[in-house]
């Protein structure tokens, strides 16, 4: 399971200095001798909530043994809706994290274009 320090920072609104996984827990250090932990499924749900703030929807599912997160930009005209299929062979949670990373990267790119 791979989730970036930047995504954890944005989703949880913390100053994570390091992020690492142990079992089904994502651990993040916020200072000397201060580490917090969150269940991977809880963090995945929070990623889905976080992307909603920017008009995106993540729908995740397993299809024929392949884990997929469908990322959709929620816009008024469904014919012009942006869809991206994020596929993972690891887990559904991993696909959700990948979709969250895509949104984070997209938001950073838009921010730099507006400067």
C-alpha atoms as a PDB file:
ATOM      1  CA  UNK A   1       0.000   0.000   0.000  1.00  0.00           C
ATOM      2  CA  UNK A   2       1.480   3.264  -1.072  1.00  0.00           C
ATOM      3  CA  UNK A   3       0.222   6.649   0.093  1.00  0.00           C
ATOM      4  CA  UNK A   4       2.316   9.783  -0.079  1.00  0.00           C
ATOM      5  CA  UNK A   5       3.208  12.114   2.734  1.00  0.00           C
ATOM      6  CA  UNK A   6       1.640  14.953   0.708  1.00  0.00           C
ATOM      7  CA  UNK A   7      -1.722  13.177   0.402  1.00  0.00           C
ATOM      8  CA  UNK A   8      -1.775  12.374   4.134  1.00  0.00           C
ATOM      9  CA  UNK A   9      -0.987  16.040   4.878  1.00  0.00           C
ATOM     10  CA  UNK A  10      -3.814  17.308   2.680  1.00  0.00           C
ATOM     11  CA  UNK A  11      -6.473  14.780   3.652  1.00  0.00           C
ATOM     12  CA  UNK A  12      -5.838  14.800   7.406  1.00  0.00           C
ATOM     13  CA  UNK A  13      -4.701  18.442   7.593  1.00  0.00           C
ATOM     14  CA  UNK A  14      -1.542  17.549   9.530  1.00  0.00           C
ATOM     15  CA  UNK A  15       2.155  18.319   9.137  1.00  0.00           C
ATOM     16  CA  UNK A  16       3.286  14.752   8.524  1.00  0.00           C
ATOM     17  CA  UNK A  17       7.058  14.438   8.431  1.00  0.00           C
ATOM     18  CA  UNK A  18       7.110  10.730   7.560  1.00  0.00           C
ATOM     19  CA  UNK A  19       4.462   8.213   6.479  1.00  0.00           C
ATOM     20  CA  UNK A  20       4.752   4.430   6.612  1.00  0.00           C
ATOM     21  CA  UNK A  21       2.476   1.400   6.655  1.00  0.00           C
ATOM     22  CA  UNK A  22       2.441  -1.384   9.231  1.00  0.00           C
ATOM     23  CA  UNK A  23      -0.197  -4.008   8.500  1.00  0.00           C
ATOM     24  CA  UNK A  24      -3.522  -2.267   7.958  1.00  0.00           C
ATOM     25  CA  UNK A  25      -2.387   0.980   9.622  1.00  0.00           C
ATOM     26  CA  UNK A  26      -0.934   4.105   8.077  1.00  0.00           C
ATOM     27  CA  UNK A  27       1.420   5.747  10.561  1.00  0.00           C
ATOM     28  CA  UNK A  28       2.518   9.359  10.285  1.00  0.00           C
ATOM     29  CA  UNK A  29       5.085  11.221  12.327  1.00  0.00           C
ATOM     30  CA  UNK A  30       4.232  14.828  13.175  1.00  0.00           C
ATOM     31  CA  UNK A  31       7.213  15.636  15.372  1.00  0.00           C
ATOM     32  CA  UNK A  32       9.934  14.182  17.518  1.00  0.00           C
ATOM     33  CA  UNK A  33       8.545  11.105  19.265  1.00  0.00           C
ATOM     34  CA  UNK A  34       4.984  11.921  18.094  1.00  0.00           C
ATOM     35  CA  UNK A  35       3.389   9.362  15.781  1.00  0.00           C
ATOM     36  CA  UNK A  36      -0.280   8.903  14.940  1.00  0.00           C
ATOM     37  CA  UNK A  37      -1.965   6.005  13.211  1.00  0.00           C
ATOM     38  CA  UNK A  38      -5.083   5.568  11.072  1.00  0.00           C
ATOM     39  CA  UNK A  39      -6.678   2.452   9.613  1.00  0.00           C
ATOM     40  CA  UNK A  40      -6.135   2.229   5.828  1.00  0.00           C
ATOM     41  CA  UNK A  41      -9.884   1.882   5.183  1.00  0.00           C
ATOM     42  CA  UNK A  42     -10.648   4.942   7.283  1.00  0.00           C
ATOM     43  CA  UNK A  43      -8.017   6.929   5.392  1.00  0.00           C
ATOM     44  CA  UNK A  44      -9.423   5.688   2.061  1.00  0.00           C
ATOM     45  CA  UNK A  45     -12.869   6.949   3.087  1.00  0.00           C
ATOM     46  CA  UNK A  46     -11.353  10.302   4.081  1.00  0.00           C
ATOM     47  CA  UNK A  47      -9.618  10.502   0.674  1.00  0.00           C
ATOM     48  CA  UNK A  48     -13.019  10.033  -0.990  1.00  0.00           C
ATOM     49  CA  UNK A  49     -14.454  12.842   1.159  1.00  0.00           C
ATOM     50  CA  UNK A  50     -11.452  15.083   0.454  1.00  0.00           C
ATOM     51  CA  UNK A  51     -11.719  14.797  -3.345  1.00  0.00           C
ATOM     52  CA  UNK A  52     -15.415  15.727  -3.095  1.00  0.00           C
ATOM     53  CA  UNK A  53     -14.365  19.188  -1.878  1.00  0.00           C
ATOM     54  CA  UNK A  54     -12.911  19.761  -5.354  1.00  0.00           C
ATOM     55  CA  UNK A  55     -15.837  18.365  -7.320  1.00  0.00           C
ATOM     56  CA  UNK A  56     -14.472  14.845  -7.839  1.00  0.00           C
ATOM     57  CA  UNK A  57     -16.139  11.545  -7.042  1.00  0.00           C
ATOM     58  CA  UNK A  58     -14.292   8.270  -6.465  1.00  0.00           C
ATOM     59  CA  UNK A  59     -16.283   5.095  -7.015  1.00  0.00           C
ATOM     60  CA  UNK A  60     -14.267   2.006  -6.138  1.00  0.00           C
ATOM     61  CA  UNK A  61     -14.970  -1.605  -6.943  1.00  0.00           C
ATOM     62  CA  UNK A  62     -13.484  -4.993  -7.674  1.00  0.00           C
ATOM     63  CA  UNK A  63     -14.111  -6.334 -11.162  1.00  0.00           C
ATOM     64  CA  UNK A  64     -12.894  -9.804 -12.194  1.00  0.00           C
ATOM     65  CA  UNK A  65     -10.197  -9.725  -9.540  1.00  0.00           C
ATOM     66  CA  UNK A  66      -8.956  -6.278 -10.584  1.00  0.00           C
ATOM     67  CA  UNK A  67      -9.290  -3.407  -8.158  1.00  0.00           C
ATOM     68  CA  UNK A  68     -10.426  -0.147  -9.716  1.00  0.00           C
ATOM     69  CA  UNK A  69     -11.277   3.367  -8.669  1.00  0.00           C
ATOM     70  CA  UNK A  70     -13.238   5.441 -11.161  1.00  0.00           C
ATOM     71  CA  UNK A  71     -12.534   9.132 -10.726  1.00  0.00           C
ATOM     72  CA  UNK A  72     -15.199  11.469 -12.106  1.00  0.00           C
ATOM     73  CA  UNK A  73     -15.245  15.257 -12.158  1.00  0.00           C
ATOM     74  CA  UNK A  74     -18.720  16.273 -11.049  1.00  0.00           C
ATOM     75  CA  UNK A  75     -19.792  18.830 -13.646  1.00  0.00           C
ATOM     76  CA  UNK A  76     -23.312  19.826 -14.768  1.00  0.00           C
ATOM     77  CA  UNK A  77     -23.070  18.300 -18.260  1.00  0.00           C
ATOM     78  CA  UNK A  78     -22.597  14.509 -17.979  1.00  0.00           C
ATOM     79  CA  UNK A  79     -21.599  14.289 -21.672  1.00  0.00           C
ATOM     80  CA  UNK A  80     -18.510  16.332 -20.846  1.00  0.00           C
ATOM     81  CA  UNK A  81     -17.752  14.678 -17.517  1.00  0.00           C
ATOM     82  CA  UNK A  82     -14.106  13.837 -16.998  1.00  0.00           C
ATOM     83  CA  UNK A  83     -13.557  10.194 -16.134  1.00  0.00           C
ATOM     84  CA  UNK A  84     -10.356   8.410 -15.289  1.00  0.00           C
ATOM     85  CA  UNK A  85     -10.029   4.752 -14.384  1.00  0.00           C
ATOM     86  CA  UNK A  86      -7.300   4.126 -11.846  1.00  0.00           C
ATOM     87  CA  UNK A  87      -6.376   0.443 -11.717  1.00  0.00           C
ATOM     88  CA  UNK A  88      -4.456  -1.394  -9.036  1.00  0.00           C
ATOM     89  CA  UNK A  89      -3.464  -5.021  -8.728  1.00  0.00           C
ATOM     90  CA  UNK A  90      -2.798  -4.623  -5.018  1.00  0.00           C
ATOM     91  CA  UNK A  91      -6.097  -3.606  -3.399  1.00  0.00           C
ATOM     92  CA  UNK A  92      -9.173  -1.438  -3.714  1.00  0.00           C
ATOM     93  CA  UNK A  93      -7.716   0.890  -1.059  1.00  0.00           C
ATOM     94  CA  UNK A  94      -4.551   1.271  -3.131  1.00  0.00           C
ATOM     95  CA  UNK A  95      -6.656   2.261  -6.168  1.00  0.00           C
ATOM     96  CA  UNK A  96      -8.421   4.901  -4.029  1.00  0.00           C
ATOM     97  CA  UNK A  97      -5.064   6.274  -2.868  1.00  0.00           C
ATOM     98  CA  UNK A  98      -3.848   6.412  -6.486  1.00  0.00           C
ATOM     99  CA  UNK A  99      -6.982   8.354  -7.458  1.00  0.00           C
ATOM    100  CA  UNK A 100      -6.382  10.747  -4.544  1.00  0.00           C
ATOM    101  CA  UNK A 101      -2.768  11.201  -5.667  1.00  0.00           C
ATOM    102  CA  UNK A 102      -4.002  12.029  -9.174  1.00  0.00           C
ATOM    103  CA  UNK A 103      -6.333  14.737  -7.800  1.00  0.00           C
ATOM    104  CA  UNK A 104      -3.526  16.149  -5.634  1.00  0.00           C
ATOM    105  CA  UNK A 105      -1.180  16.293  -8.630  1.00  0.00           C
ATOM    106  CA  UNK A 106      -3.896  17.917 -10.768  1.00  0.00           C
ATOM    107  CA  UNK A 107      -4.627  20.551  -8.099  1.00  0.00           C
ATOM    108  CA  UNK A 108      -0.916  21.402  -7.770  1.00  0.00           C
ATOM    109  CA  UNK A 109      -0.612  21.759 -11.545  1.00  0.00           C
ATOM    110  CA  UNK A 110      -3.639  24.092 -11.678  1.00  0.00           C
ATOM    111  CA  UNK A 111      -2.242  26.153  -8.809  1.00  0.00           C
ATOM    112  CA  UNK A 112       1.088  26.622 -10.601  1.00  0.00           C
ATOM    113  CA  UNK A 113      -0.680  27.574 -13.853  1.00  0.00           C
ATOM    114  CA  UNK A 114      -2.609  30.323 -12.036  1.00  0.00           C
ATOM    115  CA  UNK A 115       0.508  31.944 -10.554  1.00  0.00           C
END
